[in-house]
Amino acid sequence: MNTVYIHIDERLDAKRMGQLRQELLRVPYVSNVELNPKLPHDMLVEFEAHHNVPLTVLHRLSRRGLHPDIMSC
C-alpha cells in the first residue's frame, strides 16, 4: 500500500472534506482517505502501489475548483 500526502490551498470545512473523501474513495485502487479537522488543508490517500492514483486524485480535486499539490508520495 502506498500513501500520497496532498495539500489543498483552499481551506475546507468538515462537510466539504467529507464530500471529497467520499468521492476519492470511489476512485479505483484508492483504499482509504484520512482527514484531520485540525489540518483542513491536508489529506492522506492510501492506494494500491502498482497504479498511478496520485495524478488521478489531483485531477479529481482540480475539477472541483481546488488547487491541490502533492507534498509527498
N, C-alpha and C. Protein backbone atom coordinates (compact mmCIF):
# COMPACT_ATOMS: atom_id res chain seq x y z
N MET A 1 0.84 -1.17 0.00
CA MET A 1 0.00 0.00 0.00
C MET A 1 0.90 1.24 0.00
N ASN A 2 0.56 2.22 -0.83
CA ASN A 2 1.27 3.49 -0.87
C ASN A 2 0.37 4.60 -0.35
N THR A 3 0.99 5.69 0.04
CA THR A 3 0.24 6.84 0.54
C THR A 3 0.74 8.09 -0.15
N VAL A 4 -0.19 8.97 -0.52
CA VAL A 4 0.16 10.27 -1.06
C VAL A 4 -0.41 11.32 -0.10
N TYR A 5 0.44 12.28 0.25
CA TYR A 5 0.06 13.38 1.13
C TYR A 5 -0.26 14.57 0.24
N ILE A 6 -1.50 15.07 0.32
CA ILE A 6 -1.95 16.15 -0.54
C ILE A 6 -2.30 17.38 0.29
N HIS A 7 -1.81 18.52 -0.17
CA HIS A 7 -2.15 19.81 0.44
C HIS A 7 -3.06 20.55 -0.53
N ILE A 8 -4.17 21.07 -0.01
CA ILE A 8 -5.12 21.85 -0.82
C ILE A 8 -5.02 23.30 -0.38
N ASP A 9 -4.81 24.20 -1.33
CA ASP A 9 -4.64 25.61 -0.99
C ASP A 9 -5.85 26.19 -0.28
N GLU A 10 -7.04 25.77 -0.68
CA GLU A 10 -8.26 26.31 -0.10
C GLU A 10 -8.52 25.69 1.28
N ARG A 11 -9.11 26.48 2.16
CA ARG A 11 -9.50 25.96 3.47
C ARG A 11 -10.91 25.37 3.33
N LEU A 12 -11.05 24.11 3.68
CA LEU A 12 -12.32 23.42 3.51
C LEU A 12 -12.95 23.10 4.86
N ASP A 13 -14.27 23.24 4.93
CA ASP A 13 -14.95 22.88 6.17
C ASP A 13 -15.12 21.36 6.23
N ALA A 14 -15.56 20.87 7.38
CA ALA A 14 -15.68 19.43 7.59
C ALA A 14 -16.64 18.78 6.59
N LYS A 15 -17.71 19.46 6.26
CA LYS A 15 -18.69 18.90 5.31
C LYS A 15 -18.07 18.71 3.93
N ARG A 16 -17.37 19.73 3.46
CA ARG A 16 -16.73 19.65 2.13
C ARG A 16 -15.63 18.59 2.11
N MET A 17 -14.85 18.52 3.17
CA MET A 17 -13.80 17.50 3.25
C MET A 17 -14.43 16.10 3.21
N GLY A 18 -15.54 15.93 3.92
CA GLY A 18 -16.22 14.64 3.92
C GLY A 18 -16.72 14.27 2.54
N GLN A 19 -17.24 15.26 1.80
CA GLN A 19 -17.71 15.01 0.44
C GLN A 19 -16.55 14.60 -0.46
N LEU A 20 -15.44 15.29 -0.32
CA LEU A 20 -14.26 14.94 -1.13
C LEU A 20 -13.76 13.55 -0.78
N ARG A 21 -13.77 13.23 0.51
CA ARG A 21 -13.34 11.90 0.95
C ARG A 21 -14.19 10.83 0.27
N GLN A 22 -15.50 11.00 0.30
CA GLN A 22 -16.39 10.01 -0.31
C GLN A 22 -16.13 9.88 -1.81
N GLU A 23 -15.90 11.00 -2.47
CA GLU A 23 -15.62 10.96 -3.90
C GLU A 23 -14.31 10.23 -4.19
N LEU A 24 -13.28 10.51 -3.41
CA LEU A 24 -11.98 9.88 -3.65
C LEU A 24 -12.01 8.39 -3.34
N LEU A 25 -12.84 7.99 -2.39
CA LEU A 25 -12.96 6.56 -2.09
C LEU A 25 -13.57 5.78 -3.25
N ARG A 26 -14.22 6.47 -4.16
CA ARG A 26 -14.79 5.82 -5.35
C ARG A 26 -13.77 5.71 -6.49
N VAL A 27 -12.61 6.34 -6.35
CA VAL A 27 -11.56 6.23 -7.37
C VAL A 27 -11.01 4.80 -7.32
N PRO A 28 -10.92 4.14 -8.47
CA PRO A 28 -10.36 2.79 -8.47
C PRO A 28 -8.97 2.75 -7.81
N TYR A 29 -8.76 1.73 -7.00
CA TYR A 29 -7.49 1.44 -6.33
C TYR A 29 -7.21 2.31 -5.10
N VAL A 30 -8.09 3.26 -4.78
CA VAL A 30 -7.96 4.02 -3.53
C VAL A 30 -8.59 3.18 -2.43
N SER A 31 -7.85 2.97 -1.35
CA SER A 31 -8.37 2.12 -0.26
C SER A 31 -8.78 2.93 0.96
N ASN A 32 -8.22 4.13 1.15
CA ASN A 32 -8.56 4.93 2.33
C ASN A 32 -8.18 6.38 2.09
N VAL A 33 -8.94 7.28 2.70
CA VAL A 33 -8.63 8.71 2.68
C VAL A 33 -8.73 9.19 4.12
N GLU A 34 -7.62 9.71 4.64
CA GLU A 34 -7.59 10.18 6.02
C GLU A 34 -7.61 11.70 6.05
N LEU A 35 -8.47 12.24 6.91
CA LEU A 35 -8.60 13.68 7.09
C LEU A 35 -8.40 14.01 8.56
N ASN A 36 -7.92 15.22 8.82
CA ASN A 36 -7.76 15.69 10.19
C ASN A 36 -8.39 17.07 10.27
N PRO A 37 -9.48 17.24 11.06
CA PRO A 37 -10.14 18.54 11.15
C PRO A 37 -9.21 19.67 11.61
N LYS A 38 -8.12 19.32 12.29
CA LYS A 38 -7.17 20.34 12.75
C LYS A 38 -6.25 20.81 11.62
N LEU A 39 -6.25 20.04 10.52
CA LEU A 39 -5.43 20.38 9.35
C LEU A 39 -6.33 20.40 8.13
N PRO A 40 -7.18 21.43 7.98
CA PRO A 40 -8.21 21.43 6.94
C PRO A 40 -7.68 21.56 5.51
N HIS A 41 -6.38 21.67 5.35
CA HIS A 41 -5.80 21.77 4.01
C HIS A 41 -5.18 20.45 3.54
N ASP A 42 -5.10 19.47 4.43
CA ASP A 42 -4.31 18.28 4.15
C ASP A 42 -5.14 17.00 4.16
N MET A 43 -4.70 16.03 3.33
CA MET A 43 -5.31 14.71 3.33
C MET A 43 -4.26 13.67 2.95
N LEU A 44 -4.45 12.48 3.46
CA LEU A 44 -3.62 11.33 3.09
C LEU A 44 -4.50 10.36 2.33
N VAL A 45 -4.02 9.91 1.19
CA VAL A 45 -4.77 8.98 0.35
C VAL A 45 -3.94 7.71 0.21
N GLU A 46 -4.49 6.58 0.67
CA GLU A 46 -3.83 5.28 0.53
C GLU A 46 -4.34 4.59 -0.73
N PHE A 47 -3.41 3.96 -1.45
CA PHE A 47 -3.78 3.33 -2.72
C PHE A 47 -2.88 2.15 -3.00
N GLU A 48 -3.35 1.29 -3.90
CA GLU A 48 -2.55 0.14 -4.32
C GLU A 48 -1.31 0.63 -5.06
N ALA A 49 -0.20 0.02 -4.77
CA ALA A 49 1.10 0.50 -5.24
C ALA A 49 1.31 0.48 -6.75
N HIS A 50 0.69 -0.40 -7.45
CA HIS A 50 1.00 -0.54 -8.88
C HIS A 50 0.11 0.30 -9.79
N HIS A 51 -0.58 1.27 -9.28
CA HIS A 51 -1.45 2.10 -10.09
C HIS A 51 -1.09 3.58 -9.92
N ASN A 52 -1.32 4.38 -10.96
CA ASN A 52 -0.97 5.80 -10.95
C ASN A 52 -2.11 6.64 -10.37
N VAL A 53 -2.39 6.42 -9.11
CA VAL A 53 -3.50 7.09 -8.45
C VAL A 53 -3.21 8.56 -8.12
N PRO A 54 -2.01 8.95 -7.72
CA PRO A 54 -1.80 10.34 -7.32
C PRO A 54 -2.26 11.37 -8.35
N LEU A 55 -1.96 11.16 -9.62
CA LEU A 55 -2.39 12.12 -10.64
C LEU A 55 -3.90 12.10 -10.83
N THR A 56 -4.50 10.94 -10.71
CA THR A 56 -5.96 10.85 -10.81
C THR A 56 -6.61 11.65 -9.69
N VAL A 57 -6.08 11.53 -8.48
CA VAL A 57 -6.61 12.27 -7.34
C VAL A 57 -6.46 13.77 -7.57
N LEU A 58 -5.30 14.20 -8.04
CA LEU A 58 -5.09 15.63 -8.32
C LEU A 58 -6.09 16.14 -9.34
N HIS A 59 -6.32 15.38 -10.39
CA HIS A 59 -7.26 15.79 -11.43
C HIS A 59 -8.68 15.88 -10.88
N ARG A 60 -9.07 14.91 -10.04
CA ARG A 60 -10.42 14.95 -9.44
C ARG A 60 -10.60 16.20 -8.59
N LEU A 61 -9.61 16.52 -7.78
CA LEU A 61 -9.70 17.69 -6.91
C LEU A 61 -9.69 18.98 -7.73
N SER A 62 -8.87 19.02 -8.76
CA SER A 62 -8.80 20.20 -9.63
C SER A 62 -10.12 20.45 -10.34
N ARG A 63 -10.79 19.38 -10.76
CA ARG A 63 -12.09 19.53 -11.42
C ARG A 63 -13.15 20.10 -10.48
N ARG A 64 -12.89 20.05 -9.20
CA ARG A 64 -13.81 20.62 -8.20
C ARG A 64 -13.45 22.07 -7.88
N GLY A 65 -12.53 22.64 -8.66
CA GLY A 65 -12.15 24.04 -8.47
C GLY A 65 -11.12 24.25 -7.38
N LEU A 66 -10.48 23.18 -6.96
CA LEU A 66 -9.48 23.27 -5.89
C LEU A 66 -8.08 23.33 -6.50
N HIS A 67 -7.14 23.69 -5.66
CA HIS A 67 -5.73 23.80 -6.09
C HIS A 67 -4.88 22.87 -5.21
N PRO A 68 -4.84 21.57 -5.56
CA PRO A 68 -4.08 20.61 -4.76
C PRO A 68 -2.62 20.48 -5.21
N ASP A 69 -1.78 20.10 -4.27
CA ASP A 69 -0.37 19.80 -4.55
C ASP A 69 0.01 18.53 -3.83
N ILE A 70 0.82 17.72 -4.47
CA ILE A 70 1.38 16.53 -3.81
C ILE A 70 2.57 17.00 -2.98
N MET A 71 2.50 16.73 -1.68
CA MET A 71 3.59 17.11 -0.78
C MET A 71 4.60 15.97 -0.65
N SER A 72 4.10 14.74 -0.66
CA SER A 72 4.98 13.57 -0.66
C SER A 72 4.19 12.36 -1.13
N CYS A 73 4.94 11.41 -1.63
CA CYS A 73 4.31 10.20 -2.15
C CYS A 73 5.23 9.03 -1.94
